[in-house]
């Protein structure tokens, strides 16, 4: 409680929010885009006189409406109630952890931080649909997560997706690319900027390792001195007696 009051007084939380305002606004924008497209697609294709789909690129990209009571590609749509509730709780916890990770991450890890915003926003977008339409209770709520984009790329049919799915997949791809090439901890940093950050991260880890070893050595030295002191006191007592 005292730490919270201290944070309020020194404006630490406000400062954190200001530094991450871009991420908060981007997160809100992505959520709005996802929910608005779901509402529009649902309202349009639910009309009695509306077509089943609209082909933007025939055979490759079309708009329609579908309701998914599972996860990607309708996996788990027929799972029992307890499994769906566990999935909702589990994904909620995961996205909370990812959100915390974002605020704890070094601000210079821009690529990974942007990717995290997209992944979490997409996850929350579908999370809202799962809870609102109670996907665990099909008898009362026959709908589910609203999908509206059927996408085919050459021989790959991605089924019907929504913008939240695109955010998650796109964010995950960018995250992998970041960890490979565009991050302070990248395996193969491509530019001088990321090479410098990678070297700095390596030096920081080495400094932590040295500090840990020094601390361990100090503790060991202190324990040795205490043991020697106790032995000396015991020896003095024996001589006195």
Protein backbone atom coordinates (compact mmCIF):
# COMPACT_ATOMS: atom_id res chain seq x y z
CA UNK A 1 0.00 0.00 0.00
CA UNK A 2 2.81 2.38 0.94
CA UNK A 3 4.59 1.60 -2.35
CA UNK A 4 1.39 2.35 -4.26
CA UNK A 5 1.00 5.70 -2.45
CA UNK A 6 4.62 6.50 -3.18
CA UNK A 7 4.10 5.70 -6.87
CA UNK A 8 1.07 7.97 -6.94
CA UNK A 9 2.98 10.81 -5.28
CA UNK A 10 6.08 10.71 -7.42
CA UNK A 11 4.07 10.32 -10.62
CA UNK A 12 5.86 7.09 -11.60
CA UNK A 13 2.74 5.46 -12.98
CA UNK A 14 1.80 8.59 -14.93
CA UNK A 15 5.30 8.69 -16.42
CA UNK A 16 5.04 5.06 -17.50
CA UNK A 17 1.68 5.74 -19.15
CA UNK A 18 3.07 8.78 -20.97
CA UNK A 19 6.05 6.85 -22.30
CA UNK A 20 3.77 4.10 -23.56
CA UNK A 21 0.94 6.30 -24.81
CA UNK A 22 1.62 5.26 -28.41
CA UNK A 23 1.18 1.61 -27.47
CA UNK A 24 -2.04 2.27 -25.55
CA UNK A 25 -3.50 4.22 -28.47
CA UNK A 26 -2.41 1.54 -30.96
CA UNK A 27 -3.95 -1.14 -28.75
CA UNK A 28 -7.27 0.74 -28.56
CA UNK A 29 -7.24 1.38 -32.33
CA UNK A 30 -6.69 -2.31 -33.11
CA UNK A 31 -9.50 -3.36 -30.75
CA UNK A 32 -11.85 -0.81 -32.34
CA UNK A 33 -10.96 -1.95 -35.88
CA UNK A 34 -11.57 -5.59 -34.96
CA UNK A 35 -14.90 -4.99 -33.19
CA UNK A 36 -16.24 -2.55 -35.79
CA UNK A 37 -15.50 -4.93 -38.68
CA UNK A 38 -17.21 -7.73 -36.77
CA UNK A 39 -20.30 -5.63 -36.09
CA UNK A 40 -20.54 -4.38 -39.69
CA UNK A 41 -20.07 -7.83 -41.22
CA UNK A 42 -22.55 -9.40 -38.80
CA UNK A 43 -25.17 -6.71 -39.47
CA UNK A 44 -24.76 -6.80 -43.25
CA UNK A 45 -24.65 -10.54 -43.92
CA UNK A 46 -27.40 -11.29 -41.39
CA UNK A 47 -29.96 -9.47 -43.55
CA UNK A 48 -32.44 -11.69 -45.36
CA UNK A 49 -31.66 -10.15 -48.75
CA UNK A 50 -27.87 -10.02 -48.36
CA UNK A 51 -25.59 -12.30 -50.43
CA UNK A 52 -23.78 -15.21 -48.79
CA UNK A 53 -20.45 -13.60 -49.62
CA UNK A 54 -18.76 -10.82 -51.56
CA UNK A 55 -15.73 -11.79 -53.63
CA UNK A 56 -13.07 -9.11 -53.61
CA UNK A 57 -10.58 -11.32 -55.45
CA UNK A 58 -12.53 -14.32 -56.76
CA UNK A 59 -11.09 -17.58 -55.50
CA UNK A 60 -8.67 -15.87 -53.12
CA UNK A 61 -10.30 -13.20 -50.97
CA UNK A 62 -13.96 -12.79 -50.08
CA UNK A 63 -16.08 -11.36 -47.29
CA UNK A 64 -18.81 -13.33 -45.54
CA UNK A 65 -19.91 -14.14 -42.00
CA UNK A 66 -19.17 -17.24 -39.95
CA UNK A 67 -19.36 -17.99 -36.24
CA UNK A 68 -16.55 -19.89 -34.60
CA UNK A 69 -17.15 -21.50 -31.19
CA UNK A 70 -13.60 -22.85 -30.99
CA UNK A 71 -10.19 -21.37 -31.70
CA UNK A 72 -8.36 -21.00 -35.03
CA UNK A 73 -9.78 -23.11 -37.86
CA UNK A 74 -12.72 -24.01 -35.55
CA UNK A 75 -10.52 -26.34 -33.51
CA UNK A 76 -12.31 -27.26 -30.29
CA UNK A 77 -15.69 -25.97 -31.43
CA UNK A 78 -17.35 -29.15 -30.12
CA UNK A 79 -15.28 -29.37 -26.94
CA UNK A 80 -17.13 -29.76 -23.62
CA UNK A 81 -18.13 -26.74 -21.55
CA UNK A 82 -15.34 -27.12 -18.98
CA UNK A 83 -12.68 -27.20 -21.74
CA UNK A 84 -13.98 -24.00 -23.34
CA UNK A 85 -14.15 -22.20 -19.99
CA UNK A 86 -10.60 -23.38 -19.19
CA UNK A 87 -9.46 -22.10 -22.59
CA UNK A 88 -11.00 -18.68 -21.98
CA UNK A 89 -9.44 -18.38 -18.52
CA UNK A 90 -6.07 -19.66 -19.80
CA UNK A 91 -5.92 -17.26 -22.74
CA UNK A 92 -6.97 -14.38 -20.48
CA UNK A 93 -4.09 -15.14 -18.12
CA UNK A 94 -1.63 -15.43 -21.02
CA UNK A 95 -2.56 -12.02 -22.41
CA UNK A 96 -2.31 -10.40 -18.98
CA UNK A 97 1.20 -11.85 -18.64
CA UNK A 98 2.12 -10.59 -22.11
CA UNK A 99 0.81 -7.14 -21.19
CA UNK A 100 2.97 -7.08 -18.05
CA UNK A 101 5.93 -8.27 -20.12
CA UNK A 102 5.41 -5.35 -22.50
CA UNK A 103 5.71 -2.75 -19.73
CA UNK A 104 8.77 -4.47 -18.24
CA UNK A 105 10.54 -4.76 -21.58
CA UNK A 106 13.39 -2.42 -22.52
CA UNK A 107 11.90 0.51 -24.46
CA UNK A 108 14.55 0.14 -27.16
CA UNK A 109 13.16 -3.28 -28.14
CA UNK A 110 10.69 -1.50 -30.42
CA UNK A 111 10.01 -4.35 -32.86
CA UNK A 112 9.11 -6.83 -30.12
CA UNK A 113 7.01 -4.30 -28.26
CA UNK A 114 4.96 -3.42 -31.35
CA UNK A 115 4.50 -7.13 -32.09
CA UNK A 116 3.27 -7.71 -28.53
CA UNK A 117 0.68 -4.94 -28.90
CA UNK A 118 -0.72 -6.61 -32.03
CA UNK A 119 -0.77 -10.08 -30.45
CA UNK A 120 -2.46 -8.93 -27.24
CA UNK A 121 -4.97 -6.70 -29.06
CA UNK A 122 -5.94 -9.57 -31.36
CA UNK A 123 -6.26 -11.95 -28.46
CA UNK A 124 -8.42 -9.54 -26.47
CA UNK A 125 -10.61 -8.89 -29.54
CA UNK A 126 -11.50 -12.57 -29.83
CA UNK A 127 -11.65 -12.93 -26.04
CA UNK A 128 -14.42 -10.31 -25.98
CA UNK A 129 -16.45 -12.28 -28.53
CA UNK A 130 -15.95 -15.58 -26.68
CA UNK A 131 -17.20 -14.11 -23.43
CA UNK A 132 -20.00 -12.00 -24.93
CA UNK A 133 -21.41 -14.89 -26.95
CA UNK A 134 -20.71 -17.44 -24.21
CA UNK A 135 -19.15 -19.99 -26.53
CA UNK A 136 -19.35 -22.59 -23.74
CA UNK A 137 -23.17 -22.44 -23.82
CA UNK A 138 -24.38 -23.10 -27.40
CA UNK A 139 -27.91 -23.92 -26.25
CA UNK A 140 -28.47 -20.35 -25.05
CA UNK A 141 -26.08 -18.48 -27.36
CA UNK A 142 -25.79 -20.23 -30.76
CA UNK A 143 -23.28 -17.69 -32.14
CA UNK A 144 -19.57 -17.41 -31.47
CA UNK A 145 -16.48 -15.45 -32.49
CA UNK A 146 -17.43 -13.51 -35.61
CA UNK A 147 -15.25 -14.19 -38.65
CA UNK A 148 -15.69 -12.41 -41.96
CA UNK A 149 -12.64 -12.82 -44.22
CA UNK A 150 -12.15 -15.99 -46.27
CA UNK A 151 -8.54 -16.08 -47.43
CA UNK A 152 -6.81 -18.41 -49.87
CA UNK A 153 -3.19 -18.05 -50.94
CA UNK A 154 -2.27 -20.41 -53.76
CA UNK A 155 -2.81 -23.90 -52.38
CA UNK A 156 -3.36 -22.76 -48.77
CA UNK A 157 -6.92 -22.20 -47.57
CA UNK A 158 -6.93 -20.27 -44.29
CA UNK A 159 -10.67 -20.62 -43.87
CA UNK A 160 -12.71 -17.73 -42.49
CA UNK A 161 -10.78 -15.37 -40.22
CA UNK A 162 -11.20 -11.95 -38.66
CA UNK A 163 -8.92 -8.99 -38.14
CA UNK A 164 -8.03 -10.15 -34.63
CA UNK A 165 -6.61 -13.34 -36.16
CA UNK A 166 -4.55 -11.26 -38.59
CA UNK A 167 -3.22 -9.15 -35.71
CA UNK A 168 -2.19 -12.25 -33.76
CA UNK A 169 -0.54 -14.03 -36.69
CA UNK A 170 1.13 -10.86 -37.97
CA UNK A 171 2.38 -9.97 -34.50
CA UNK A 172 3.74 -13.48 -33.95
CA UNK A 173 5.60 -13.39 -37.29
CA UNK A 174 7.10 -9.98 -36.52
CA UNK A 175 8.07 -11.23 -33.06
CA UNK A 176 9.93 -14.20 -34.55
CA UNK A 177 11.68 -11.95 -37.08
CA UNK A 178 12.61 -9.59 -34.27
CA UNK A 179 14.12 -12.36 -32.17
CA UNK A 180 16.04 -13.55 -35.21
CA UNK A 181 17.22 -10.26 -36.74
CA UNK A 182 15.85 -7.05 -35.19
CA UNK A 183 16.30 -7.07 -31.42
CA UNK A 184 18.90 -6.55 -28.74
CA UNK A 185 18.78 -10.31 -28.12
CA UNK A 186 18.52 -11.28 -31.81
CA UNK A 187 20.29 -14.45 -32.84
CA UNK A 188 21.49 -12.87 -36.10
CA UNK A 189 21.32 -9.04 -35.76
CA UNK A 190 21.35 -7.50 -39.24
CA UNK A 191 22.05 -3.79 -38.69
CA UNK A 192 24.69 -1.93 -36.71
CA UNK A 193 21.98 -0.66 -34.37
CA UNK A 194 20.87 -4.14 -33.38
CA UNK A 195 24.43 -5.44 -33.31
CA UNK A 196 25.27 -2.68 -30.83
CA UNK A 197 22.20 -3.48 -28.75
CA UNK A 198 23.05 -7.18 -28.83
CA UNK A 199 26.60 -6.43 -27.66
CA UNK A 200 25.24 -4.16 -24.91
CA UNK A 201 22.85 -6.90 -23.80
CA UNK A 202 25.70 -9.40 -23.75
CA UNK A 203 27.83 -7.04 -21.65
CA UNK A 204 24.90 -6.47 -19.28
CA UNK A 205 24.42 -10.21 -18.80
CA UNK A 206 28.14 -10.63 -18.22
CA UNK A 207 28.09 -7.84 -15.62
CA UNK A 208 25.16 -9.54 -13.88
CA UNK A 209 27.07 -12.82 -13.88
CA UNK A 210 30.17 -11.17 -12.39
CA UNK A 211 28.08 -9.36 -9.76
CA UNK A 212 26.40 -12.63 -8.82
CA UNK A 213 29.74 -14.38 -8.51
CA UNK A 214 31.11 -11.50 -6.41
CA UNK A 215 28.07 -11.64 -4.15
CA UNK A 216 28.47 -15.39 -3.74
CA UNK A 217 32.16 -14.96 -2.95
CA UNK A 218 31.35 -12.23 -0.40
CA UNK A 219 28.80 -14.49 1.31
CA UNK A 220 31.26 -17.36 1.34
CA UNK A 221 34.00 -15.10 2.77
CA UNK A 222 31.63 -13.83 5.47
CA UNK A 223 30.64 -17.38 6.42
CA UNK A 224 34.30 -18.40 6.56
CA UNK A 225 35.15 -15.44 8.81
CA UNK A 226 32.20 -16.24 11.08
CA UNK A 227 33.31 -19.88 11.33
CA UNK A 228 36.88 -18.88 12.11
CA UNK A 229 35.67 -16.39 14.71
CA UNK A 230 33.50 -19.04 16.39
CA UNK A 231 36.37 -21.52 16.38
CA UNK A 232 38.67 -18.86 17.89
CA UNK A 233 36.14 -18.04 20.62
CA UNK A 234 35.73 -21.74 21.41
CA UNK A 235 39.49 -22.15 21.60
CA UNK A 236 39.81 -19.17 23.95
CA UNK A 237 37.10 -20.57 26.21
CA UNK A 238 38.89 -23.93 26.41
CA UNK A 239 42.16 -22.21 27.33
CA UNK A 240 40.43 -20.10 29.96
CA UNK A 241 38.87 -23.15 31.58
